């Protein structure tokens, strides 16, 4: 017989740490969908402070990869993300009428 009420636990490769944990800033910095503005709202750390934390906390090669990724992705900055979304939607609308 099966046990009732047993919910399987899904394991995630990199589970989200507690917001009060210092590792949360590093986790959030690597997460694509969390902007610097959201990090600042939750922790009070500015973008330059997050960069400083990442420089101290990860290996130099990992830091370089992260910086390259952050500079290429427009979604780490809310204004750039919103601008890129507007560009995409305007292109889609133009193509619909062709």
C-alpha atoms as a PDB file:
ATOM      1  CA  UNK A   1       0.000   0.000   0.000  1.00  0.00           C
ATOM      2  CA  UNK A   2       1.112   3.568  -0.705  1.00  0.00           C
ATOM      3  CA  UNK A   3       1.498   6.076   2.062  1.00  0.00           C
ATOM      4  CA  UNK A   4      -0.922   8.960   1.835  1.00  0.00           C
ATOM      5  CA  UNK A   5       0.258  12.528   2.156  1.00  0.00           C
ATOM      6  CA  UNK A   6       3.829  11.890   1.098  1.00  0.00           C
ATOM      7  CA  UNK A   7       4.925  14.574  -1.338  1.00  0.00           C
ATOM      8  CA  UNK A   8       8.212  13.946  -3.151  1.00  0.00           C
ATOM      9  CA  UNK A   9      10.829  16.624  -2.699  1.00  0.00           C
ATOM     10  CA  UNK A  10      12.180  18.059  -5.918  1.00  0.00           C
ATOM     11  CA  UNK A  11      15.891  18.688  -5.714  1.00  0.00           C
ATOM     12  CA  UNK A  12      17.268  21.657  -7.604  1.00  0.00           C
ATOM     13  CA  UNK A  13      20.895  21.912  -8.656  1.00  0.00           C
ATOM     14  CA  UNK A  14      21.268  25.378  -7.137  1.00  0.00           C
ATOM     15  CA  UNK A  15      18.394  25.946  -4.707  1.00  0.00           C
ATOM     16  CA  UNK A  16      17.657  29.503  -3.653  1.00  0.00           C
ATOM     17  CA  UNK A  17      19.348  30.329  -0.328  1.00  0.00           C
ATOM     18  CA  UNK A  18      17.637  32.438   2.322  1.00  0.00           C
ATOM     19  CA  UNK A  19      17.621  36.179   1.527  1.00  0.00           C
ATOM     20  CA  UNK A  20      19.461  36.891   4.801  1.00  0.00           C
ATOM     21  CA  UNK A  21      22.234  34.494   3.802  1.00  0.00           C
ATOM     22  CA  UNK A  22      25.275  36.266   2.281  1.00  0.00           C
ATOM     23  CA  UNK A  23      25.287  33.637  -0.480  1.00  0.00           C
ATOM     24  CA  UNK A  24      21.904  34.905  -1.686  1.00  0.00           C
ATOM     25  CA  UNK A  25      23.556  37.907  -3.376  1.00  0.00           C
ATOM     26  CA  UNK A  26      25.894  35.598  -5.297  1.00  0.00           C
ATOM     27  CA  UNK A  27      23.009  33.294  -6.219  1.00  0.00           C
ATOM     28  CA  UNK A  28      20.885  36.237  -7.377  1.00  0.00           C
ATOM     29  CA  UNK A  29      23.770  37.750  -9.345  1.00  0.00           C
ATOM     30  CA  UNK A  30      24.100  34.515 -11.343  1.00  0.00           C
ATOM     31  CA  UNK A  31      20.334  34.241 -11.877  1.00  0.00           C
ATOM     32  CA  UNK A  32      19.354  35.739 -15.231  1.00  0.00           C
ATOM     33  CA  UNK A  33      15.873  36.874 -14.287  1.00  0.00           C
ATOM     34  CA  UNK A  34      16.846  38.773 -11.127  1.00  0.00           C
ATOM     35  CA  UNK A  35      17.806  42.363 -11.905  1.00  0.00           C
ATOM     36  CA  UNK A  36      20.242  44.512  -9.960  1.00  0.00           C
ATOM     37  CA  UNK A  37      17.279  46.657  -8.938  1.00  0.00           C
ATOM     38  CA  UNK A  38      15.573  43.651  -7.326  1.00  0.00           C
ATOM     39  CA  UNK A  39      18.796  42.716  -5.522  1.00  0.00           C
ATOM     40  CA  UNK A  40      19.062  46.268  -4.197  1.00  0.00           C
ATOM     41  CA  UNK A  41      15.423  46.266  -3.092  1.00  0.00           C
ATOM     42  CA  UNK A  42      15.814  43.006  -1.152  1.00  0.00           C
ATOM     43  CA  UNK A  43      19.322  43.470   0.294  1.00  0.00           C
ATOM     44  CA  UNK A  44      20.149  47.173  -0.014  1.00  0.00           C
ATOM     45  CA  UNK A  45      23.294  46.386  -2.043  1.00  0.00           C
ATOM     46  CA  UNK A  46      23.913  48.495  -5.135  1.00  0.00           C
ATOM     47  CA  UNK A  47      25.201  47.142  -8.440  1.00  0.00           C
ATOM     48  CA  UNK A  48      28.773  48.205  -7.643  1.00  0.00           C
ATOM     49  CA  UNK A  49      28.576  46.466  -4.254  1.00  0.00           C
ATOM     50  CA  UNK A  50      27.301  43.288  -5.934  1.00  0.00           C
ATOM     51  CA  UNK A  51      30.216  43.451  -8.384  1.00  0.00           C
ATOM     52  CA  UNK A  52      32.620  43.875  -5.462  1.00  0.00           C
ATOM     53  CA  UNK A  53      31.070  40.876  -3.660  1.00  0.00           C
ATOM     54  CA  UNK A  54      31.320  38.749  -6.796  1.00  0.00           C
ATOM     55  CA  UNK A  55      34.943  39.774  -7.345  1.00  0.00           C
ATOM     56  CA  UNK A  56      35.822  38.712  -3.772  1.00  0.00           C
ATOM     57  CA  UNK A  57      33.717  35.556  -3.626  1.00  0.00           C
ATOM     58  CA  UNK A  58      34.217  33.688  -6.890  1.00  0.00           C
ATOM     59  CA  UNK A  59      37.300  32.562  -8.765  1.00  0.00           C
ATOM     60  CA  UNK A  60      38.814  35.138 -11.147  1.00  0.00           C
ATOM     61  CA  UNK A  61      37.851  33.096 -14.218  1.00  0.00           C
ATOM     62  CA  UNK A  62      34.268  32.731 -12.935  1.00  0.00           C
ATOM     63  CA  UNK A  63      34.112  36.460 -12.248  1.00  0.00           C
ATOM     64  CA  UNK A  64      35.231  37.228 -15.819  1.00  0.00           C
ATOM     65  CA  UNK A  65      32.591  34.844 -17.203  1.00  0.00           C
ATOM     66  CA  UNK A  66      29.924  36.440 -15.005  1.00  0.00           C
ATOM     67  CA  UNK A  67      30.884  40.001 -16.043  1.00  0.00           C
ATOM     68  CA  UNK A  68      30.839  39.008 -19.706  1.00  0.00           C
ATOM     69  CA  UNK A  69      27.440  37.390 -19.238  1.00  0.00           C
ATOM     70  CA  UNK A  70      25.998  40.380 -17.350  1.00  0.00           C
ATOM     71  CA  UNK A  71      27.240  42.834 -19.969  1.00  0.00           C
ATOM     72  CA  UNK A  72      25.816  40.777 -22.840  1.00  0.00           C
ATOM     73  CA  UNK A  73      22.450  40.074 -21.223  1.00  0.00           C
ATOM     74  CA  UNK A  74      20.075  42.986 -21.191  1.00  0.00           C
ATOM     75  CA  UNK A  75      17.906  41.477 -18.482  1.00  0.00           C
ATOM     76  CA  UNK A  76      20.144  42.271 -15.490  1.00  0.00           C
ATOM     77  CA  UNK A  77      19.148  45.937 -15.815  1.00  0.00           C
ATOM     78  CA  UNK A  78      15.435  46.710 -15.710  1.00  0.00           C
ATOM     79  CA  UNK A  79      15.625  49.661 -18.155  1.00  0.00           C
ATOM     80  CA  UNK A  80      17.602  47.656 -20.716  1.00  0.00           C
ATOM     81  CA  UNK A  81      15.247  44.709 -20.283  1.00  0.00           C
ATOM     82  CA  UNK A  82      12.151  46.840 -20.814  1.00  0.00           C
ATOM     83  CA  UNK A  83      13.762  48.502 -23.854  1.00  0.00           C
ATOM     84  CA  UNK A  84      14.677  45.137 -25.393  1.00  0.00           C
ATOM     85  CA  UNK A  85      11.133  43.843 -24.805  1.00  0.00           C
ATOM     86  CA  UNK A  86       9.705  46.928 -26.542  1.00  0.00           C
ATOM     87  CA  UNK A  87      12.063  46.348 -29.491  1.00  0.00           C
ATOM     88  CA  UNK A  88      11.004  42.730 -29.807  1.00  0.00           C
ATOM     89  CA  UNK A  89       7.295  43.501 -29.649  1.00  0.00           C
ATOM     90  CA  UNK A  90       7.594  46.336 -32.169  1.00  0.00           C
ATOM     91  CA  UNK A  91       9.448  44.027 -34.597  1.00  0.00           C
ATOM     92  CA  UNK A  92       6.767  41.397 -34.169  1.00  0.00           C
ATOM     93  CA  UNK A  93       4.024  43.922 -34.877  1.00  0.00           C
ATOM     94  CA  UNK A  94       5.802  45.174 -38.021  1.00  0.00           C
ATOM     95  CA  UNK A  95       6.210  41.608 -39.322  1.00  0.00           C
ATOM     96  CA  UNK A  96       2.535  40.855 -38.720  1.00  0.00           C
ATOM     97  CA  UNK A  97       1.483  43.466 -41.262  1.00  0.00           C
ATOM     98  CA  UNK A  98       3.807  42.317 -44.038  1.00  0.00           C
END
